[in-house]
Amino acid sequence: MRELVRKFVVRVAMAVEGVVQMAVLLVLRVRGRHLPMIVPFIGHGTSRRVRVGGRVVLGRPEAAAPAVGVPEAPAPTPRSRRAVLRATIARFLTVEVPGAVVTVRGPGVAAQIRSDRDGYLDAVLEVAEPLSPGWHAFELRLRDGAAVSAQVLVVDPEASIGLVSDVDDTIVETGLTRGIEFVRSALLTPVSERTPLPGAAPLYRALVEPAGAPRRPVFYVSTSPWNLHEMLLEYIVLRRFPLGPLLLTDWGPSRSGMFRIGAQEHKGGLVRGMLEEHPGLGLVLVGDSGQLDPEIYAALAREFPDRIRAVYIRRTRHALPGRIAEVDALAAEVTAAGVPMLAVDDSVQIAAHAATLGLLDAASLDDVQSG
């Protein structure tokens, strides 16, 4: 009976989503915003193969974040609460364009890809000539001429360490597990007013910018929806976190459930993909206790004890004592099995522990403490 109820609820949600899509489409047509546009995502890859992504939607100028470049961004334009609310809602009230043909051009690449049923572009492309490590621009162009530039990070093959970080309640406090607080933060708070967790940005810079060694990649892995990609990218650049791909997920009902993919499948699958794509790369995993990060990362540490160099879990501000005890016990178990795992209250604890493992320079501890 419970399964029948679940299926019924999912079908109703899918029907409601379809009705909302049609209503939004009608409004966009009336307002003359029915032409498709591409929202580019940050790509990543190796010198021989890159992953390029984005989403094709009908025009939505209110949702456009201030221009964000690589590696610097201009100062953000002040926005009223009303403007922030309007822009955030516009990000979610989109009409996706399935089956759109997009031409991709970049260094050593010329190909055509097609958006899926939800408007997403996700293509792994072979490169004719090896790409140098660092950032490369790829053009995504629709048949009607609308084009954008997508930035792609080529991971340095000499890098021995990569950083994988959650976003919500790990680099910025959002209250994702506390519904009303998350809604208020997501809908009404300008990016410029979102305060990073103390010391987080200098900690991440220290981890990915080792002195006298190749720059390390950072991957931001989150169950936040792709609709927030531009906003999160703006936040990362504004708060001086090291830039890297944002690997988000898709919210909405599907035949498999109310959400198209669960946290464990999403984050675990992405990390496994990174390990396979970059066989010489060890990973440092950072998350928080609010969701399933401890369990997901612990499972990865058990599965890849020679590749996971350390796991750090931030205790969230509203974590219950029982949850803290669970995470501490899990950390002790994983550490005893051979992979350092630590539950912490602040960035300084992560930096101090990472310094003992040789993951960052001890000279950067002062920057983390003052940040």
Protein backbone atom coordinates (compact mmCIF):
# COMPACT_ATOMS: atom_id res chain seq x y z
CA MET A 1 0.00 0.00 0.00
CA ARG A 2 2.81 2.43 0.88
CA GLU A 3 4.45 1.81 -2.51
CA LEU A 4 1.16 2.48 -4.30
CA VAL A 5 0.74 5.75 -2.42
CA ARG A 6 4.32 6.76 -3.29
CA LYS A 7 3.77 6.06 -6.98
CA PHE A 8 0.51 8.03 -6.93
CA VAL A 9 2.18 11.03 -5.24
CA VAL A 10 5.04 10.94 -7.76
CA ARG A 11 2.60 10.83 -10.71
CA VAL A 12 0.66 13.77 -9.29
CA ALA A 13 3.91 15.72 -8.79
CA MET A 14 4.99 15.01 -12.37
CA ALA A 15 1.60 16.16 -13.65
CA VAL A 16 1.81 19.35 -11.57
CA GLU A 17 5.34 19.98 -12.88
CA GLY A 18 4.02 19.64 -16.43
CA VAL A 19 1.18 22.09 -15.80
CA VAL A 20 3.60 24.61 -14.26
CA GLN A 21 5.92 24.24 -17.26
CA MET A 22 3.08 24.97 -19.66
CA ALA A 23 1.99 28.01 -17.64
CA VAL A 24 5.53 29.39 -17.54
CA LEU A 25 5.90 28.78 -21.27
CA LEU A 26 2.70 30.74 -21.93
CA VAL A 27 3.90 33.66 -19.81
CA LEU A 28 7.29 33.67 -21.55
CA ARG A 29 5.66 33.71 -24.98
CA VAL A 30 3.41 36.60 -23.99
CA ARG A 31 6.42 38.55 -22.70
CA GLY A 32 8.50 37.76 -25.79
CA ARG A 33 11.01 35.53 -24.02
CA HIS A 34 10.40 32.32 -25.90
CA LEU A 35 13.78 32.10 -27.64
CA PRO A 36 16.21 29.45 -26.34
CA MET A 37 19.42 30.30 -24.51
CA ILE A 38 22.25 28.22 -23.07
CA VAL A 39 23.22 28.33 -19.39
CA PRO A 40 26.83 27.02 -19.35
CA PHE A 41 28.28 24.92 -16.54
CA ILE A 42 31.95 24.68 -15.62
CA GLY A 43 33.48 21.66 -17.33
CA HIS A 44 36.48 19.55 -16.44
CA GLY A 45 38.67 16.81 -17.80
CA THR A 46 42.13 15.65 -18.76
CA SER A 47 44.55 16.72 -21.48
CA ARG A 48 42.90 14.21 -23.84
CA ARG A 49 39.24 14.22 -22.83
CA VAL A 50 36.94 16.96 -21.51
CA ARG A 51 33.40 17.05 -20.17
CA VAL A 52 31.29 19.99 -21.32
CA GLY A 53 27.87 20.78 -19.88
CA GLY A 54 25.06 23.27 -19.64
CA ARG A 55 21.33 23.60 -20.02
CA VAL A 56 19.14 24.90 -22.84
CA VAL A 57 16.17 26.90 -21.55
CA LEU A 58 13.89 29.61 -22.80
CA GLY A 59 15.15 33.14 -22.16
CA ARG A 60 15.16 34.31 -18.55
CA PRO A 61 17.13 37.54 -18.15
CA GLU A 62 16.14 38.06 -14.50
CA ALA A 63 18.00 34.88 -13.58
CA ALA A 64 21.34 35.92 -15.04
CA ALA A 65 23.99 36.32 -12.37
CA PRO A 66 26.59 39.08 -12.75
CA ALA A 67 29.23 38.05 -15.26
CA VAL A 68 31.69 35.62 -13.69
CA GLY A 69 34.99 35.01 -15.40
CA VAL A 70 37.92 32.76 -14.78
CA PRO A 71 39.71 33.36 -12.51
CA GLU A 72 38.40 36.81 -11.51
CA ALA A 73 34.98 38.45 -11.36
CA PRO A 74 33.82 42.07 -11.34
CA ALA A 75 32.31 43.58 -8.23
CA PRO A 76 28.67 42.49 -7.85
CA THR A 77 25.87 44.94 -8.53
CA PRO A 78 23.79 45.71 -5.40
CA ARG A 79 20.32 44.17 -5.50
CA SER A 80 17.17 44.74 -3.51
CA ARG A 81 15.44 41.88 -1.69
CA ARG A 82 12.70 42.01 -4.28
CA ALA A 83 15.21 41.71 -7.12
CA VAL A 84 16.91 38.78 -5.38
CA LEU A 85 13.57 37.02 -4.90
CA ARG A 86 12.59 37.61 -8.53
CA ALA A 87 15.93 36.34 -9.84
CA THR A 88 15.86 33.22 -7.65
CA ILE A 89 12.32 32.30 -8.63
CA ALA A 90 13.23 32.85 -12.29
CA ARG A 91 16.02 30.29 -11.94
CA PHE A 92 13.50 27.63 -10.96
CA LEU A 93 10.59 28.64 -13.19
CA THR A 94 12.34 27.66 -16.40
CA VAL A 95 11.14 25.91 -19.52
CA GLU A 96 13.74 23.41 -20.68
CA VAL A 97 14.35 22.81 -24.37
CA PRO A 98 14.82 19.10 -25.13
CA GLY A 99 16.57 17.90 -28.26
CA ALA A 100 18.30 21.22 -28.98
CA VAL A 101 21.33 20.84 -31.26
CA VAL A 102 24.38 22.65 -29.90
CA THR A 103 27.72 23.08 -31.66
CA VAL A 104 30.76 22.86 -29.38
CA ARG A 105 34.03 24.45 -30.46
CA GLY A 106 37.20 24.69 -28.43
CA PRO A 107 40.89 23.81 -28.50
CA GLY A 108 41.08 20.61 -30.54
CA VAL A 109 37.30 20.08 -30.43
CA ALA A 110 34.50 20.61 -32.96
CA ALA A 111 31.37 18.58 -32.30
CA GLN A 112 27.59 18.68 -32.13
CA ILE A 113 25.69 17.57 -29.05
CA ARG A 114 21.98 17.45 -28.23
CA SER A 115 20.15 18.40 -25.04
CA ASP A 116 18.30 15.63 -23.18
CA ARG A 117 14.61 15.59 -22.22
CA ASP A 118 15.27 18.03 -19.37
CA GLY A 119 17.32 20.41 -21.51
CA TYR A 120 20.69 19.32 -20.10
CA LEU A 121 23.88 19.19 -22.15
CA ASP A 122 26.44 16.67 -20.93
CA ALA A 123 29.08 15.43 -23.35
CA VAL A 124 32.49 13.82 -22.98
CA LEU A 125 34.62 14.88 -25.95
CA GLU A 126 37.94 13.60 -27.20
CA VAL A 127 40.57 16.28 -27.88
CA ALA A 128 42.63 16.20 -31.07
CA GLU A 129 45.79 17.62 -29.46
CA PRO A 130 46.73 17.38 -25.77
CA LEU A 131 45.51 20.37 -23.76
CA SER A 132 47.74 22.17 -21.29
CA PRO A 133 46.70 22.11 -17.61
CA GLY A 134 44.46 24.97 -16.52
CA TRP A 135 41.43 26.79 -17.89
CA HIS A 136 40.19 26.64 -21.48
CA ALA A 137 37.19 28.33 -23.12
CA PHE A 138 34.72 26.32 -25.21
CA GLU A 139 31.98 27.94 -27.28
CA LEU A 140 28.46 26.49 -27.13
CA ARG A 141 26.27 27.72 -29.98
CA LEU A 142 22.64 27.05 -30.89
CA ARG A 143 21.44 26.82 -34.49
CA ASP A 144 19.84 30.27 -34.27
CA GLY A 145 23.22 31.77 -33.41
CA ALA A 146 22.81 32.22 -29.64
CA ALA A 147 26.19 31.37 -28.08
CA VAL A 148 27.96 31.31 -24.71
CA SER A 149 31.44 30.49 -23.48
CA ALA A 150 31.87 27.53 -21.13
CA GLN A 151 35.01 27.31 -19.02
CA VAL A 152 36.69 23.89 -18.74
CA LEU A 153 39.33 22.92 -16.19
CA VAL A 154 42.03 20.54 -17.41
CA VAL A 155 43.50 18.84 -14.35
CA ASP A 156 47.28 18.91 -14.17
CA PRO A 157 48.50 15.30 -14.59
CA GLU A 158 51.35 16.11 -12.17
CA ALA A 159 48.91 16.95 -9.35
CA SER A 160 48.86 14.21 -6.72
CA ILE A 161 45.99 15.54 -4.60
CA GLY A 162 42.51 16.82 -5.39
CA LEU A 163 39.93 18.41 -3.09
CA VAL A 164 36.28 17.36 -3.10
CA SER A 165 33.96 19.59 -1.09
CA ASP A 166 30.29 19.79 -0.31
CA VAL A 167 28.77 23.28 -0.54
CA ASP A 168 25.75 23.67 1.77
CA ASP A 169 26.83 24.04 5.42
CA THR A 170 30.41 23.20 4.38
CA ILE A 171 31.66 26.40 2.71
CA VAL A 172 28.55 28.49 3.39
CA GLU A 173 25.88 28.08 6.03
CA THR A 174 22.55 27.58 4.26
CA GLY A 175 20.48 25.51 6.67
CA LEU A 176 19.72 22.96 3.94
CA THR A 177 18.44 20.48 6.50
CA ARG A 178 16.26 23.15 8.16
CA GLY A 179 13.60 23.92 5.57
CA ILE A 180 12.45 27.47 6.46
CA GLU A 181 15.99 28.73 7.03
CA PHE A 182 17.13 27.29 3.70
CA VAL A 183 14.19 28.83 1.83
CA ARG A 184 14.84 32.25 3.39
CA SER A 185 18.56 32.03 2.59
CA ALA A 186 18.04 30.82 -0.98
CA LEU A 187 15.22 33.19 -1.91
CA LEU A 188 15.98 36.45 -0.15
CA THR A 189 19.68 36.71 0.66
CA PRO A 190 21.93 38.38 -1.96
CA VAL A 191 25.13 36.52 -2.76
CA SER A 192 27.16 39.45 -1.45
CA GLU A 193 25.54 38.99 1.99
CA ARG A 194 26.14 35.24 2.24
CA THR A 195 28.92 34.84 4.77
CA PRO A 196 31.38 31.98 4.33
CA LEU A 197 32.22 29.77 7.27
CA PRO A 198 35.23 31.33 9.05
CA GLY A 199 38.56 30.33 7.55
CA ALA A 200 37.05 28.15 4.85
CA ALA A 201 38.31 30.14 1.85
CA PRO A 202 41.97 30.42 3.00
CA LEU A 203 41.86 26.75 4.01
CA TYR A 204 40.80 25.72 0.53
CA ARG A 205 43.38 27.99 -1.08
CA ALA A 206 46.08 26.41 1.07
CA LEU A 207 44.94 22.92 0.09
CA VAL A 208 44.88 23.56 -3.67
CA GLU A 209 47.83 25.97 -4.02
CA PRO A 210 50.82 24.14 -2.52
CA ALA A 211 54.13 25.99 -2.65
CA GLY A 212 56.44 24.69 -5.37
CA ALA A 213 53.99 22.04 -6.60
CA PRO A 214 51.34 21.81 -9.36
CA ARG A 215 48.00 23.43 -8.60
CA ARG A 216 45.50 20.91 -7.29
CA PRO A 217 41.94 20.69 -8.60
CA VAL A 218 38.90 21.33 -6.46
CA PHE A 219 35.48 19.85 -7.20
CA TYR A 220 32.36 21.19 -5.46
CA VAL A 221 29.87 18.32 -5.12
CA SER A 222 26.41 19.19 -3.87
CA THR A 223 22.80 18.05 -3.90
CA SER A 224 21.80 21.64 -4.62
CA PRO A 225 19.97 21.93 -7.97
CA TRP A 226 21.63 23.00 -11.21
CA ASN A 227 19.31 26.02 -11.15
CA LEU A 228 21.66 27.56 -8.56
CA HIS A 229 24.87 27.01 -10.56
CA GLU A 230 25.31 30.69 -11.49
CA MET A 231 24.60 31.91 -7.97
CA LEU A 232 27.00 29.44 -6.33
CA LEU A 233 29.68 30.24 -8.89
CA GLU A 234 29.32 33.93 -8.14
CA TYR A 235 29.61 33.21 -4.41
CA ILE A 236 32.75 31.09 -4.84
CA VAL A 237 34.52 33.77 -6.86
CA LEU A 238 33.32 36.66 -4.69
CA ARG A 239 34.50 34.98 -1.47
CA ARG A 240 37.82 33.96 -3.02
CA PHE A 241 37.37 30.22 -2.85
CA PRO A 242 39.49 28.44 -5.46
CA LEU A 243 37.48 27.99 -8.64
CA GLY A 244 36.49 24.53 -9.75
CA PRO A 245 33.65 22.58 -11.34
CA LEU A 246 30.30 22.65 -9.50
CA LEU A 247 28.74 19.21 -9.77
CA LEU A 248 25.11 19.65 -8.76
CA THR A 249 21.95 17.62 -9.26
CA ASP A 250 18.47 17.88 -10.72
CA TRP A 251 15.48 18.44 -8.49
CA GLY A 252 12.05 17.28 -9.49
CA PRO A 253 9.84 14.19 -9.69
CA SER A 254 10.60 11.26 -11.96
CA ARG A 255 9.41 7.69 -12.30
CA SER A 256 12.05 6.63 -9.76
CA GLY A 257 10.91 9.02 -7.04
CA MET A 258 10.38 12.60 -5.92
CA PHE A 259 14.04 13.42 -6.55
CA ARG A 260 15.78 12.21 -9.70
CA ILE A 261 18.89 11.01 -7.84
CA GLY A 262 19.73 10.49 -4.16
CA ALA A 263 22.67 12.04 -2.31
CA GLN A 264 24.53 8.76 -1.92
CA GLU A 265 24.23 7.82 -5.58
CA HIS A 266 25.05 11.37 -6.71
CA LYS A 267 28.09 12.13 -4.57
CA GLY A 268 29.44 8.59 -4.44
CA GLY A 269 29.13 8.19 -8.19
CA LEU A 270 30.89 11.49 -8.89
CA VAL A 271 33.84 10.68 -6.62
CA ARG A 272 34.22 7.23 -8.15
CA GLY A 273 34.21 8.86 -11.58
CA MET A 274 36.97 11.27 -10.54
CA LEU A 275 39.13 8.44 -9.24
CA GLU A 276 38.69 6.54 -12.48
CA GLU A 277 39.31 9.56 -14.70
CA HIS A 278 42.44 10.65 -12.78
CA PRO A 279 44.22 7.45 -11.69
CA GLY A 280 47.18 9.33 -10.22
CA LEU A 281 45.04 11.59 -8.03
CA GLY A 282 44.39 11.09 -4.33
CA LEU A 283 41.39 12.91 -2.84
CA VAL A 284 40.69 14.89 0.31
CA LEU A 285 36.96 14.85 1.07
CA VAL A 286 35.26 17.65 3.04
CA GLY A 287 31.60 17.66 4.06
CA ASP A 288 29.29 18.28 6.99
CA SER A 289 27.26 16.30 9.49
CA GLY A 290 23.90 17.71 8.42
CA GLN A 291 23.24 15.22 5.63
CA LEU A 292 24.80 11.90 4.62
CA ASP A 293 28.33 13.14 3.90
CA PRO A 294 29.89 11.15 6.79
CA GLU A 295 28.33 7.89 5.63
CA ILE A 296 29.05 8.52 1.93
CA TYR A 297 32.67 9.53 2.51
CA ALA A 298 33.27 6.68 4.96
CA ALA A 299 32.05 4.19 2.36
CA LEU A 300 34.42 5.70 -0.21
CA ALA A 301 37.33 5.54 2.25
CA ARG A 302 36.66 1.84 2.84
CA GLU A 303 36.37 1.20 -0.90
CA PHE A 304 39.46 3.22 -1.90
CA PRO A 305 41.77 3.30 1.15
CA ASP A 306 44.82 3.94 -1.04
CA ARG A 307 43.20 6.89 -2.87
CA ILE A 308 41.29 8.77 -0.16
CA ARG A 309 43.95 10.74 1.72
CA ALA A 310 41.74 12.27 4.41
CA VAL A 311 38.09 12.93 5.28
CA TYR A 312 36.93 16.02 7.18
CA ILE A 313 33.38 16.48 8.47
CA ARG A 314 32.20 19.82 9.83
CA ARG A 315 29.80 19.54 12.74
CA THR A 316 26.84 21.72 11.79
CA ARG A 317 25.67 24.39 14.20
CA HIS A 318 22.36 22.67 14.93
CA ALA A 319 23.63 19.08 15.04
CA LEU A 320 21.97 17.01 17.76
CA PRO A 321 24.16 15.23 20.33
CA GLY A 322 23.12 11.84 18.99
CA ARG A 323 24.21 12.77 15.47
CA ILE A 324 27.55 14.12 16.73
CA ALA A 325 28.17 10.85 18.57
CA GLU A 326 27.37 8.85 15.41
CA VAL A 327 29.78 10.89 13.30
CA ASP A 328 32.55 10.73 15.91
CA ALA A 329 32.21 6.94 16.15
CA LEU A 330 32.26 6.61 12.36
CA ALA A 331 35.36 8.81 12.12
CA ALA A 332 37.16 6.70 14.72
CA GLU A 333 36.25 3.51 12.85
CA VAL A 334 37.47 4.78 9.48
CA THR A 335 40.67 6.19 10.99
CA ALA A 336 41.41 2.86 12.67
CA ALA A 337 40.99 1.17 9.29
CA GLY A 338 43.75 3.36 7.82
CA VAL A 339 42.17 6.51 6.34
CA PRO A 340 42.33 9.64 8.55
CA MET A 341 38.79 10.89 9.20
CA LEU A 342 38.12 13.77 11.54
CA ALA A 343 34.95 15.50 12.75
CA VAL A 344 35.69 19.19 13.41
CA ASP A 345 34.12 22.41 14.60
CA ASP A 346 36.11 24.87 12.48
CA SER A 347 38.56 25.36 9.61
CA VAL A 348 41.58 25.72 11.88
CA GLN A 349 41.16 22.12 13.10
CA ILE A 350 41.13 20.89 9.51
CA ALA A 351 44.21 22.94 8.61
CA ALA A 352 46.18 21.79 11.66
CA HIS A 353 45.39 18.13 11.00
CA ALA A 354 46.04 18.44 7.26
CA ALA A 355 49.44 20.02 8.00
CA THR A 356 50.45 16.95 10.04
CA LEU A 357 49.63 14.80 6.99
CA GLY A 358 51.63 17.02 4.64
CA LEU A 359 48.49 18.08 2.76
CA LEU A 360 49.20 21.78 3.25
CA ASP A 361 52.03 24.02 4.39
CA ALA A 362 52.02 24.72 8.12
CA ALA A 363 52.85 28.36 7.29
CA SER A 364 49.28 28.79 6.00
CA LEU A 365 47.76 28.10 9.43
CA ASP A 366 47.88 31.80 10.37
CA ASP A 367 45.93 32.73 7.22
CA VAL A 368 43.26 30.15 8.04
CA GLN A 369 42.99 31.34 11.63
CA SER A 370 42.67 34.99 10.62
CA GLY A 371 40.22 34.21 7.80
